Amino acid sequence: MGFKCGIIGLPNVGKSSLFNALVGLQKAASENYPFCTIEPNIGKVPIPDDRLVKLSKINKSKVTINAQMEFVDIAGLVKGASKGEGLGNKFLSNIREVDAIAHVVRCFEDKNVSHVHSAIDPEYDIEIIESELLLADIERTEKILEKLNKLIKVGKYEYKEERDLFLKVLNDLKSDNTYDQMDYTSKDLYTINKSGILSFKPVMYVANLDEGSLNSKNIYNKKLIELSKIKKIPLVNISAKIEEELSSIKDLQEKKELMKSMDISRSSLDKFISSGFKLLNLVTFFTSGEKETKAWTIQKESYAPDAAGKIHTDFKKGFIAADVISYDKLLNLGGEKEAKLSGSIRTEGKDYVVQDGDVILFKFNV
């Protein structure tokens, strides 16, 4: 199962341009990670990781393969979506299927691109989207509570704990207090997300700027920066139009020259992808040798057999042990052979919790 980050926002804010840039990035990548379109609006892109390149080089790997994540381009939501306006029910169901949300907010003026409300106002735009998600969630939570109360009424008291959880969820939704989730356990959040509640999903804002404001910022961007600080929601600045153009250029030198002419030191796409990855609460582990070096992603607090299962289900079924060394230590020692000679590779069992940056060789029997 892939980890999905949904791209949402009002119509004409630049979601599709951003998604097209991601598609172009994937097509321009090595043949080791071919672009995969599962549906017309879903694509896989490589996760940037400098450690992977260094690890591959030190172990003289023939092939280097990035971890990947899925981005879903969800059609624009409109006011009234929670009541079905503009195919709102379909769009909301698409958001329920993702693990995290990238909310694209328009921070540019363009007379050739109409705004759905005829004026650029990031705060108002965000309020519309978040209100629609809240309204949909309140209705859904009330239905969940109705079912749970019926079960409890006929003597199924084991549902009391879940009922109490969703009473708290309903209260937080009505108070618009879904950003501070310190009072919820990881088990609670799993139950909430599994139920299809949208407002508790991890979210980041993506300010879509014009070329001239990418470095200097503009009044809209500054407003969004302040709002993101107040709500403690991460923010990424990007120009989707520029990124779409850059991603379509195959010649590296031509791309560098265009970026130089625009006074852009580096693409913002890497930062966007990395920020999306952080939202998903994942860690990266590596497998590395002369044949290939590959990055893998797994949920934080996962055990070694679960990591083995990411590579192949048989690895998890027949798991015996895992030979583990941290990326930093392996790099400092000079490679796999030196690590073995120094006795720095340790053997871990089924109870080992995989750490970000672990380099692992799994032992299994099938």
Protein backbone atom coordinates (compact mmCIF):
# COMPACT_ATOMS: atom_id res chain seq x y z
CA MET A 1 0.00 0.00 0.00
CA GLY A 2 1.36 3.39 -0.97
CA PHE A 3 1.27 6.51 1.19
CA LYS A 4 -0.93 9.15 -0.42
CA CYS A 5 -0.82 12.93 -0.13
CA GLY A 6 -3.86 14.66 -1.61
CA ILE A 7 -3.56 18.03 -3.37
CA ILE A 8 -6.68 20.09 -2.63
CA GLY A 9 -7.88 23.69 -3.00
CA LEU A 10 -10.42 25.90 -4.72
CA PRO A 11 -10.67 25.84 -8.54
CA ASN A 12 -8.00 27.83 -10.46
CA VAL A 13 -5.43 27.94 -7.65
CA GLY A 14 -2.79 25.90 -9.49
CA LYS A 15 -3.35 22.33 -8.26
CA SER A 16 -3.16 20.76 -11.71
CA SER A 17 -0.04 22.75 -12.64
CA LEU A 18 1.62 21.50 -9.47
CA PHE A 19 0.56 17.93 -10.20
CA ASN A 20 1.80 18.23 -13.81
CA ALA A 21 5.16 19.40 -12.46
CA LEU A 22 5.32 16.28 -10.27
CA VAL A 23 4.44 14.14 -13.29
CA GLY A 24 7.17 15.84 -15.34
CA LEU A 25 9.67 15.28 -12.54
CA GLN A 26 8.88 11.58 -12.47
CA LYS A 27 9.11 11.24 -16.25
CA ALA A 28 12.48 12.98 -16.17
CA ALA A 29 13.78 10.62 -13.47
CA SER A 30 15.86 7.51 -14.07
CA GLU A 31 14.31 4.45 -15.64
CA ASN A 32 14.69 2.79 -12.23
CA TYR A 33 11.56 4.55 -11.04
CA PRO A 34 9.13 4.79 -13.96
CA PHE A 35 6.11 7.05 -13.63
CA CYS A 36 3.06 5.15 -12.54
CA THR A 37 -0.42 6.48 -13.19
CA ILE A 38 -2.82 4.36 -11.17
CA GLU A 39 -5.70 6.59 -12.17
CA PRO A 40 -5.69 9.76 -14.31
CA ASN A 41 -5.12 11.91 -11.22
CA ILE A 42 -2.69 9.78 -9.19
CA GLY A 43 1.06 9.60 -9.69
CA LYS A 44 4.13 8.31 -7.88
CA VAL A 45 7.21 10.49 -7.47
CA PRO A 46 10.67 9.81 -5.99
CA ILE A 47 11.39 11.17 -2.50
CA PRO A 48 14.61 13.24 -2.52
CA ASP A 49 17.21 11.85 -0.08
CA ASP A 50 20.90 12.83 -0.19
CA ARG A 51 21.76 9.86 2.03
CA LEU A 52 20.71 7.45 -0.70
CA VAL A 53 23.23 8.84 -3.20
CA LYS A 54 26.09 8.77 -0.69
CA LEU A 55 25.23 5.26 0.47
CA SER A 56 25.09 3.99 -3.10
CA LYS A 57 28.45 5.57 -3.88
CA ILE A 58 30.23 4.18 -0.82
CA ASN A 59 28.94 0.64 -1.49
CA LYS A 60 29.61 0.96 -5.25
CA SER A 61 26.02 -0.01 -6.07
CA LYS A 62 25.12 -0.57 -9.72
CA VAL A 63 21.57 0.75 -9.24
CA THR A 64 20.12 3.46 -6.95
CA ILE A 65 16.38 3.52 -6.28
CA ASN A 66 14.52 6.24 -4.37
CA ALA A 67 11.55 5.59 -2.15
CA GLN A 68 8.30 6.85 -3.66
CA MET A 69 5.09 8.44 -2.50
CA GLU A 70 1.78 9.05 -4.21
CA PHE A 71 0.26 12.43 -4.91
CA VAL A 72 -3.43 12.67 -5.74
CA ASP A 73 -4.74 15.65 -7.72
CA ILE A 74 -8.24 16.18 -6.32
CA ALA A 75 -10.55 18.39 -8.35
CA GLY A 76 -11.37 21.83 -6.93
CA LEU A 77 -13.75 22.04 -4.01
CA VAL A 78 -16.38 24.79 -3.97
CA LYS A 79 -18.57 26.38 -1.33
CA GLY A 80 -21.38 23.95 -0.53
CA ALA A 81 -19.29 20.85 -1.30
CA SER A 82 -20.38 19.27 2.00
CA LYS A 83 -23.95 19.40 0.64
CA GLY A 84 -22.99 17.99 -2.74
CA GLU A 85 -22.35 21.23 -4.64
CA GLY A 86 -19.98 20.84 -7.60
CA LEU A 87 -19.80 17.05 -7.20
CA GLY A 88 -18.69 17.74 -3.63
CA ASN A 89 -19.53 14.26 -2.33
CA LYS A 90 -17.21 12.65 -4.86
CA PHE A 91 -14.36 15.05 -4.09
CA LEU A 92 -14.76 14.62 -0.34
CA SER A 93 -14.67 10.83 -0.74
CA ASN A 94 -11.41 11.20 -2.70
CA ILE A 95 -9.90 13.18 0.20
CA ARG A 96 -10.94 10.44 2.64
CA GLU A 97 -8.67 8.03 0.78
CA VAL A 98 -5.47 10.04 1.32
CA ASP A 99 -3.18 10.01 4.38
CA ALA A 100 -2.23 13.70 4.35
CA ILE A 101 -3.36 16.91 2.66
CA ALA A 102 -1.46 19.57 0.70
CA HIS A 103 -3.79 22.58 0.56
CA VAL A 104 -2.83 24.79 -2.40
CA VAL A 105 -3.68 28.46 -1.83
CA ARG A 106 -3.61 31.07 -4.58
CA CYS A 107 -1.16 33.90 -3.82
CA PHE A 108 -0.84 35.36 -7.32
CA GLU A 109 -2.72 37.78 -9.54
CA ASP A 110 -3.42 36.93 -13.17
CA LYS A 111 -6.18 38.60 -15.18
CA ASN A 112 -6.20 35.58 -17.52
CA VAL A 113 -6.97 33.16 -14.66
CA SER A 114 -10.29 33.95 -12.99
CA HIS A 115 -10.75 33.51 -9.26
CA VAL A 116 -13.83 31.62 -8.16
CA HIS A 117 -14.74 34.51 -5.80
CA SER A 118 -13.41 37.33 -8.01
CA ALA A 119 -10.79 38.43 -5.44
CA ILE A 120 -7.50 37.02 -4.12
CA ASP A 121 -7.84 36.38 -0.38
CA PRO A 122 -5.85 33.39 1.00
CA GLU A 123 -7.49 33.54 4.42
CA TYR A 124 -11.02 33.49 2.99
CA ASP A 125 -10.11 30.74 0.52
CA ILE A 126 -8.75 28.56 3.32
CA GLU A 127 -11.83 29.27 5.45
CA ILE A 128 -14.11 28.02 2.65
CA ILE A 129 -12.24 24.73 2.21
CA GLU A 130 -11.78 24.04 5.92
CA SER A 131 -15.42 24.93 6.67
CA GLU A 132 -16.62 22.45 4.06
CA LEU A 133 -14.43 19.73 5.55
CA LEU A 134 -15.70 20.57 9.05
CA LEU A 135 -19.35 20.51 7.99
CA ALA A 136 -18.89 17.16 6.24
CA ASP A 137 -17.08 15.78 9.30
CA ILE A 138 -19.72 16.98 11.78
CA GLU A 139 -22.45 15.27 9.76
CA ARG A 140 -20.39 12.08 9.50
CA THR A 141 -19.51 12.07 13.21
CA GLU A 142 -23.15 12.53 14.22
CA LYS A 143 -24.07 9.49 12.10
CA ILE A 144 -21.25 7.45 13.69
CA LEU A 145 -22.48 8.42 17.18
CA GLU A 146 -26.04 7.50 16.24
CA LYS A 147 -24.92 3.99 15.29
CA LEU A 148 -22.75 3.59 18.38
CA ASN A 149 -25.54 4.74 20.71
CA LYS A 150 -27.90 2.19 19.15
CA LEU A 151 -25.36 -0.59 19.75
CA ILE A 152 -24.88 0.47 23.37
CA LYS A 153 -28.65 0.68 23.88
CA VAL A 154 -29.04 -3.03 23.00
CA GLY A 155 -26.36 -4.03 25.51
CA LYS A 156 -23.13 -3.85 23.48
CA TYR A 157 -21.27 -1.83 26.12
CA GLU A 158 -17.89 -2.55 24.56
CA TYR A 159 -18.62 0.36 22.21
CA LYS A 160 -18.73 2.92 25.06
CA GLU A 161 -15.05 3.81 24.72
CA GLU A 162 -15.43 4.45 20.98
CA ARG A 163 -18.61 6.45 21.61
CA ASP A 164 -16.76 8.66 24.13
CA LEU A 165 -13.96 9.19 21.61
CA PHE A 166 -16.36 10.41 18.92
CA LEU A 167 -18.19 12.64 21.41
CA LYS A 168 -14.84 14.36 21.97
CA VAL A 169 -14.24 14.48 18.19
CA LEU A 170 -17.66 16.10 17.66
CA ASN A 171 -16.94 18.69 20.34
CA ASP A 172 -13.56 19.56 18.78
CA LEU A 173 -15.09 19.77 15.32
CA LYS A 174 -17.81 22.15 16.49
CA SER A 175 -15.17 24.24 18.28
CA ASP A 176 -12.93 24.17 15.16
CA ASN A 177 -10.18 22.71 17.35
CA THR A 178 -8.72 19.88 15.28
CA TYR A 179 -5.14 21.14 14.92
CA ASP A 180 -4.07 20.50 18.51
CA GLN A 181 -4.23 16.71 18.76
CA MET A 182 -2.13 16.26 21.92
CA ASP A 183 -5.12 14.81 23.83
CA TYR A 184 -5.49 11.97 21.34
CA THR A 185 -3.45 8.76 21.40
CA SER A 186 -2.06 7.22 18.21
CA LYS A 187 -4.77 4.56 18.57
CA ASP A 188 -7.44 7.28 18.77
CA LEU A 189 -6.12 9.01 15.65
CA TYR A 190 -6.02 5.71 13.78
CA THR A 191 -9.70 5.10 14.65
CA ILE A 192 -10.64 8.66 13.67
CA ASN A 193 -8.85 8.51 10.30
CA LYS A 194 -10.22 5.04 9.58
CA SER A 195 -13.73 6.41 10.06
CA GLY A 196 -13.24 8.91 7.21
CA ILE A 197 -12.98 12.09 9.29
CA LEU A 198 -11.11 14.66 7.18
CA SER A 199 -10.25 17.51 9.57
CA PHE A 200 -7.83 15.42 11.64
CA LYS A 201 -5.61 14.50 8.70
CA PRO A 202 -2.12 16.06 8.71
CA VAL A 203 -2.10 19.14 6.47
CA MET A 204 0.29 21.67 5.00
CA TYR A 205 -0.37 24.89 3.11
CA VAL A 206 1.18 25.41 -0.32
CA ALA A 207 1.41 29.06 -1.35
CA ASN A 208 1.25 29.22 -5.14
CA LEU A 209 3.15 32.38 -6.16
CA ASP A 210 3.90 34.11 -9.42
CA GLU A 211 7.49 34.24 -10.69
CA GLY A 212 8.12 37.77 -9.46
CA SER A 213 7.05 37.02 -5.88
CA LEU A 214 8.82 33.71 -5.38
CA ASN A 215 11.88 35.30 -3.78
CA SER A 216 10.48 38.65 -2.57
CA LYS A 217 7.05 37.38 -1.42
CA ASN A 218 3.86 39.46 -1.77
CA ILE A 219 1.02 40.68 0.43
CA TYR A 220 -0.98 37.46 -0.06
CA ASN A 221 1.97 35.26 0.83
CA LYS A 222 2.75 37.32 3.93
CA LYS A 223 -0.85 36.89 5.13
CA LEU A 224 -0.61 33.15 4.61
CA ILE A 225 2.71 32.98 6.47
CA GLU A 226 1.10 34.64 9.50
CA LEU A 227 -1.93 32.34 9.34
CA SER A 228 0.24 29.22 9.14
CA LYS A 229 2.14 30.36 12.25
CA ILE A 230 -1.08 30.92 14.19
CA LYS A 231 -2.48 27.51 13.20
CA LYS A 232 0.94 25.81 13.48
CA ILE A 233 0.53 24.36 9.99
CA PRO A 234 3.66 23.97 7.85
CA LEU A 235 3.88 26.16 4.75
CA VAL A 236 5.73 25.67 1.48
CA ASN A 237 6.16 28.46 -1.10
CA ILE A 238 6.13 27.37 -4.72
CA SER A 239 5.39 28.67 -8.21
CA ALA A 240 3.45 25.83 -9.81
CA LYS A 241 3.65 27.47 -13.25
CA ILE A 242 7.45 27.72 -13.08
CA GLU A 243 7.81 24.19 -11.71
CA GLU A 244 5.58 22.82 -14.48
CA GLU A 245 7.77 24.54 -17.07
CA LEU A 246 11.03 23.39 -15.46
CA SER A 247 9.90 19.79 -15.13
CA SER A 248 9.16 19.62 -18.86
CA ILE A 249 12.79 20.48 -19.76
CA LYS A 250 14.93 17.38 -20.18
CA ASP A 251 18.24 19.11 -20.88
CA LEU A 252 19.92 19.81 -17.53
CA GLN A 253 21.98 22.74 -18.80
CA GLU A 254 18.96 24.37 -20.40
CA LYS A 255 17.08 23.99 -17.12
CA LYS A 256 19.95 25.58 -15.15
CA GLU A 257 20.10 28.53 -17.53
CA LEU A 258 16.34 29.10 -17.27
CA MET A 259 16.51 28.97 -13.46
CA LYS A 260 19.41 31.41 -13.49
CA SER A 261 17.46 33.83 -15.68
CA MET A 262 14.59 33.65 -13.18
CA ASP A 263 16.95 34.07 -10.21
CA ILE A 264 15.98 30.66 -8.83
CA SER A 265 18.74 28.78 -7.02
CA ARG A 266 16.85 25.48 -6.71
CA SER A 267 13.50 23.94 -7.56
CA SER A 268 10.83 24.16 -4.86
CA LEU A 269 9.45 20.75 -5.80
CA ASP A 270 11.98 18.88 -3.65
CA LYS A 271 10.94 20.88 -0.61
CA PHE A 272 7.27 20.29 -1.42
CA ILE A 273 7.78 16.52 -1.75
CA SER A 274 9.90 16.35 1.42
CA SER A 275 7.29 18.33 3.37
CA GLY A 276 4.57 15.98 2.16
CA PHE A 277 6.69 13.04 3.27
CA LYS A 278 7.11 14.53 6.77
CA LEU A 279 3.35 14.90 7.12
CA LEU A 280 2.89 11.17 6.68
CA ASN A 281 4.82 10.31 9.88
CA LEU A 282 7.21 7.98 8.07
CA VAL A 283 10.81 6.90 8.46
CA THR A 284 13.22 5.77 5.76
CA PHE A 285 15.39 2.69 5.96
CA PHE A 286 17.84 1.41 3.37
CA THR A 287 18.99 -1.84 1.83
CA SER A 288 22.38 -1.53 0.20
CA GLY A 289 24.99 -3.64 -1.55
CA GLU A 290 26.90 -3.88 -4.81
CA LYS A 291 23.77 -4.85 -6.76
CA GLU A 292 21.59 -1.93 -5.61
CA THR A 293 20.94 0.66 -2.94
CA LYS A 294 17.28 1.28 -2.27
CA ALA A 295 15.29 3.50 0.10
CA TRP A 296 12.11 2.18 1.73
CA THR A 297 9.45 3.99 3.74
CA ILE A 298 7.53 2.70 6.74
CA GLN A 299 5.39 4.16 9.53
CA LYS A 300 7.27 5.36 12.61
CA GLU A 301 7.42 2.87 15.51
CA SER A 302 7.27 -0.10 13.11
CA TYR A 303 9.04 -3.34 14.01
CA ALA A 304 11.74 -5.11 12.00
CA PRO A 305 9.39 -7.83 10.58
CA ASP A 306 7.07 -5.07 9.27
CA ALA A 307 10.02 -3.45 7.51
CA ALA A 308 10.97 -6.83 6.04
CA GLY A 309 7.40 -7.20 4.78
CA LYS A 310 7.76 -3.95 2.81
CA ILE A 311 10.34 -5.71 0.66
CA HIS A 312 8.42 -8.98 0.32
CA THR A 313 5.61 -10.60 2.31
CA ASP A 314 7.68 -13.80 2.59
CA PHE A 315 10.41 -11.83 4.39
CA LYS A 316 7.94 -11.00 7.16
CA LYS A 317 6.49 -14.51 7.37
CA GLY A 318 9.91 -16.14 7.60
CA PHE A 319 11.67 -13.38 9.55
CA ILE A 320 14.61 -14.60 11.63
CA ALA A 321 16.68 -11.49 12.38
CA ALA A 322 17.94 -8.20 10.96
CA ASP A 323 21.55 -7.04 10.65
CA VAL A 324 21.40 -3.30 11.35
CA ILE A 325 23.74 -0.31 11.26
CA SER A 326 22.88 3.39 11.15
CA TYR A 327 23.55 5.31 7.94
CA ASP A 328 25.84 7.79 9.74
CA LYS A 329 27.97 5.07 11.29
CA LEU A 330 28.25 3.14 8.02
CA LEU A 331 29.32 6.28 6.17
CA ASN A 332 31.90 7.18 8.83
CA LEU A 333 33.38 3.68 8.70
CA GLY A 334 33.71 3.79 4.91
CA GLY A 335 31.23 1.15 3.75
CA GLU A 336 29.73 -2.28 4.36
CA LYS A 337 33.01 -4.23 4.28
CA GLU A 338 34.64 -1.92 6.84
CA ALA A 339 31.54 -2.09 9.05
CA LYS A 340 31.66 -5.89 9.08
CA LEU A 341 35.38 -5.95 9.87
CA SER A 342 34.92 -3.53 12.78
CA GLY A 343 32.02 -5.56 14.21
CA SER A 344 29.73 -2.52 14.08
CA ILE A 345 26.77 -4.30 12.48
CA ARG A 346 24.43 -5.58 15.19
CA THR A 347 21.81 -8.32 14.99
CA GLU A 348 18.28 -7.37 16.03
CA GLY A 349 15.18 -9.50 16.56
CA LYS A 350 11.42 -9.19 16.09
CA ASP A 351 11.03 -6.53 18.81
CA TYR A 352 13.43 -4.06 17.21
CA VAL A 353 11.82 -0.72 16.28
CA VAL A 354 13.20 0.50 12.96
CA GLN A 355 14.88 3.91 13.13
CA ASP A 356 15.14 6.53 10.39
CA GLY A 357 18.38 5.99 8.48
CA ASP A 358 18.86 2.33 9.40
CA VAL A 359 20.71 0.23 6.83
CA ILE A 360 19.31 -3.29 7.15
CA LEU A 361 20.03 -6.79 5.84
CA PHE A 362 17.14 -9.13 6.65
CA LYS A 363 17.59 -12.83 7.45
CA PHE A 364 14.59 -15.01 6.76
CA ASN A 365 13.54 -18.59 6.10
CA VAL A 366 10.69 -19.53 3.73
